[in-house]
Amino acid sequence: MRPVAAENGFSEKKDASARLGNSALLRAALQDRMETRIETLEEQVAHLQKLSDELSDVVARQETEIALLSRRVEMLLRREAERETDAAGAISLADQKPPHW
């Protein structure tokens, strides 16, 4: 027969070994989960960067188009004011007060 202390010593070593094994498995599982989360976040960041670049291009294109349209409106307003002045020889409609004043 074995002494009880010897069995407990063996059992304690086995339990400690099992705990270390479980701990290593837990760490490995956590590391896999973290790597998966990091990959997912990196994909999302890449997608957001692409969207940001696309939106920046759209805004730049719209800024150019707005500047062009503003110049055209200004030119058309000047032309119309010249026509009104030349045609009537009087004050342009833009400078006259509305009839309800």
C-alpha atoms as a PDB file:
ATOM      1  CA  MET A   1       0.000   0.000   0.000  1.00  0.00           C
ATOM      2  CA  ARG A   2       1.060   3.504  -0.733  1.00  0.00           C
ATOM      3  CA  PRO A   3       1.043   6.156   1.903  1.00  0.00           C
ATOM      4  CA  VAL A   4      -1.724   8.749   1.586  1.00  0.00           C
ATOM      5  CA  ALA A   5       0.773  11.612   1.392  1.00  0.00           C
ATOM      6  CA  ALA A   6       2.417  10.073  -1.663  1.00  0.00           C
ATOM      7  CA  GLU A   7      -0.901   9.749  -3.442  1.00  0.00           C
ATOM      8  CA  ASN A   8      -1.832  13.324  -2.581  1.00  0.00           C
ATOM      9  CA  GLY A   9       1.528  14.562  -3.825  1.00  0.00           C
ATOM     10  CA  PHE A  10       1.048  12.812  -7.144  1.00  0.00           C
ATOM     11  CA  SER A  11      -2.511  14.025  -7.346  1.00  0.00           C
ATOM     12  CA  GLU A  12      -1.467  17.615  -6.617  1.00  0.00           C
ATOM     13  CA  LYS A  13       1.165  17.483  -9.362  1.00  0.00           C
ATOM     14  CA  LYS A  14      -1.430  16.107 -11.768  1.00  0.00           C
ATOM     15  CA  ASP A  15      -3.906  18.854 -10.826  1.00  0.00           C
ATOM     16  CA  ALA A  16      -1.232  21.531 -11.201  1.00  0.00           C
ATOM     17  CA  SER A  17      -0.285  20.111 -14.599  1.00  0.00           C
ATOM     18  CA  ALA A  18      -3.927  20.076 -15.667  1.00  0.00           C
ATOM     19  CA  ARG A  19      -4.375  23.672 -14.526  1.00  0.00           C
ATOM     20  CA  LEU A  20      -1.313  24.749 -16.498  1.00  0.00           C
ATOM     21  CA  GLY A  21      -2.632  22.910 -19.540  1.00  0.00           C
ATOM     22  CA  ASN A  22      -6.036  24.557 -19.192  1.00  0.00           C
ATOM     23  CA  SER A  23      -4.377  27.924 -18.730  1.00  0.00           C
ATOM     24  CA  ALA A  24      -2.348  27.470 -21.906  1.00  0.00           C
ATOM     25  CA  LEU A  25      -5.459  26.439 -23.810  1.00  0.00           C
ATOM     26  CA  LEU A  26      -7.326  29.441 -22.465  1.00  0.00           C
ATOM     27  CA  ARG A  27      -4.495  31.784 -23.477  1.00  0.00           C
ATOM     28  CA  ALA A  28      -4.396  30.261 -26.958  1.00  0.00           C
ATOM     29  CA  ALA A  29      -8.165  30.619 -27.342  1.00  0.00           C
ATOM     30  CA  LEU A  30      -8.040  34.234 -26.157  1.00  0.00           C
ATOM     31  CA  GLN A  31      -5.180  34.996 -28.529  1.00  0.00           C
ATOM     32  CA  ASP A  32      -7.095  33.475 -31.467  1.00  0.00           C
ATOM     33  CA  ARG A  33     -10.151  35.523 -30.547  1.00  0.00           C
ATOM     34  CA  MET A  34      -8.080  38.717 -30.267  1.00  0.00           C
ATOM     35  CA  GLU A  35      -6.436  38.069 -33.634  1.00  0.00           C
ATOM     36  CA  THR A  36      -9.852  37.556 -35.222  1.00  0.00           C
ATOM     37  CA  ARG A  37     -11.144  40.786 -33.688  1.00  0.00           C
ATOM     38  CA  ILE A  38      -8.057  42.695 -34.825  1.00  0.00           C
ATOM     39  CA  GLU A  39      -8.442  41.380 -38.374  1.00  0.00           C
ATOM     40  CA  THR A  40     -12.104  42.396 -38.372  1.00  0.00           C
ATOM     41  CA  LEU A  41     -11.232  45.876 -37.129  1.00  0.00           C
ATOM     42  CA  GLU A  42      -8.463  46.236 -39.718  1.00  0.00           C
ATOM     43  CA  GLU A  43     -10.944  45.311 -42.461  1.00  0.00           C
ATOM     44  CA  GLN A  44     -13.426  47.878 -41.170  1.00  0.00           C
ATOM     45  CA  VAL A  45     -10.740  50.583 -41.001  1.00  0.00           C
ATOM     46  CA  ALA A  46      -9.650  49.814 -44.569  1.00  0.00           C
ATOM     47  CA  HIS A  47     -13.272  50.045 -45.726  1.00  0.00           C
ATOM     48  CA  LEU A  48     -13.763  53.358 -43.916  1.00  0.00           C
ATOM     49  CA  GLN A  49     -10.552  54.759 -45.400  1.00  0.00           C
ATOM     50  CA  LYS A  50     -11.762  53.836 -48.887  1.00  0.00           C
ATOM     51  CA  LEU A  51     -15.119  55.502 -48.238  1.00  0.00           C
ATOM     52  CA  SER A  52     -13.382  58.583 -46.858  1.00  0.00           C
ATOM     53  CA  ASP A  53     -11.191  58.851 -49.961  1.00  0.00           C
ATOM     54  CA  GLU A  54     -14.223  58.449 -52.234  1.00  0.00           C
ATOM     55  CA  LEU A  55     -16.170  61.108 -50.339  1.00  0.00           C
ATOM     56  CA  SER A  56     -13.188  63.440 -50.456  1.00  0.00           C
ATOM     57  CA  ASP A  57     -13.075  63.049 -54.239  1.00  0.00           C
ATOM     58  CA  VAL A  58     -16.813  63.780 -54.480  1.00  0.00           C
ATOM     59  CA  VAL A  59     -16.474  66.909 -52.323  1.00  0.00           C
ATOM     60  CA  ALA A  60     -13.518  68.173 -54.384  1.00  0.00           C
ATOM     61  CA  ARG A  61     -15.456  67.602 -57.621  1.00  0.00           C
ATOM     62  CA  GLN A  62     -18.511  69.376 -56.210  1.00  0.00           C
ATOM     63  CA  GLU A  63     -16.395  72.302 -55.040  1.00  0.00           C
ATOM     64  CA  THR A  64     -15.053  72.765 -58.567  1.00  0.00           C
ATOM     65  CA  GLU A  65     -18.534  72.477 -60.054  1.00  0.00           C
ATOM     66  CA  ILE A  66     -20.005  74.977 -57.557  1.00  0.00           C
ATOM     67  CA  ALA A  67     -17.251  77.487 -58.331  1.00  0.00           C
ATOM     68  CA  LEU A  68     -17.939  77.128 -62.070  1.00  0.00           C
ATOM     69  CA  LEU A  69     -21.698  77.494 -61.596  1.00  0.00           C
ATOM     70  CA  SER A  70     -21.239  80.537 -59.352  1.00  0.00           C
ATOM     71  CA  ARG A  71     -19.145  82.239 -62.036  1.00  0.00           C
ATOM     72  CA  ARG A  72     -21.793  81.424 -64.661  1.00  0.00           C
ATOM     73  CA  VAL A  73     -24.617  82.821 -62.507  1.00  0.00           C
ATOM     74  CA  GLU A  74     -22.613  86.007 -61.894  1.00  0.00           C
ATOM     75  CA  MET A  75     -21.960  86.367 -65.630  1.00  0.00           C
ATOM     76  CA  LEU A  76     -25.644  85.822 -66.447  1.00  0.00           C
ATOM     77  CA  LEU A  77     -26.719  88.393 -63.846  1.00  0.00           C
ATOM     78  CA  ARG A  78     -24.329  90.966 -65.341  1.00  0.00           C
ATOM     79  CA  ARG A  79     -25.566  90.210 -68.871  1.00  0.00           C
ATOM     80  CA  GLU A  80     -29.193  90.570 -67.840  1.00  0.00           C
ATOM     81  CA  ALA A  81     -28.477  93.836 -66.050  1.00  0.00           C
ATOM     82  CA  GLU A  82     -26.750  95.162 -69.190  1.00  0.00           C
ATOM     83  CA  ARG A  83     -29.704  94.093 -71.371  1.00  0.00           C
ATOM     84  CA  GLU A  84     -32.181  95.813 -69.096  1.00  0.00           C
ATOM     85  CA  THR A  85     -30.122  98.993 -69.091  1.00  0.00           C
ATOM     86  CA  ASP A  86     -29.609  98.948 -72.866  1.00  0.00           C
ATOM     87  CA  ALA A  87     -33.215  98.065 -73.732  1.00  0.00           C
ATOM     88  CA  ALA A  88     -35.054 100.477 -71.507  1.00  0.00           C
ATOM     89  CA  GLY A  89     -32.436 103.125 -70.982  1.00  0.00           C
ATOM     90  CA  ALA A  90     -33.762 103.304 -67.449  1.00  0.00           C
ATOM     91  CA  ILE A  91     -33.010 101.777 -64.099  1.00  0.00           C
ATOM     92  CA  SER A  92     -32.551  98.003 -64.221  1.00  0.00           C
ATOM     93  CA  LEU A  93     -35.232  95.833 -62.663  1.00  0.00           C
ATOM     94  CA  ALA A  94     -32.719  94.514 -60.148  1.00  0.00           C
ATOM     95  CA  ASP A  95     -32.267  98.041 -58.784  1.00  0.00           C
ATOM     96  CA  GLN A  96     -35.971  98.968 -58.754  1.00  0.00           C
ATOM     97  CA  LYS A  97     -38.167  98.507 -55.721  1.00  0.00           C
ATOM     98  CA  PRO A  98     -40.939  95.937 -56.059  1.00  0.00           C
ATOM     99  CA  PRO A  99     -44.399  97.388 -56.800  1.00  0.00           C
ATOM    100  CA  HIS A 100     -45.764  96.502 -53.367  1.00  0.00           C
ATOM    101  CA  TRP A 101     -43.349  98.926 -51.598  1.00  0.00           C
END
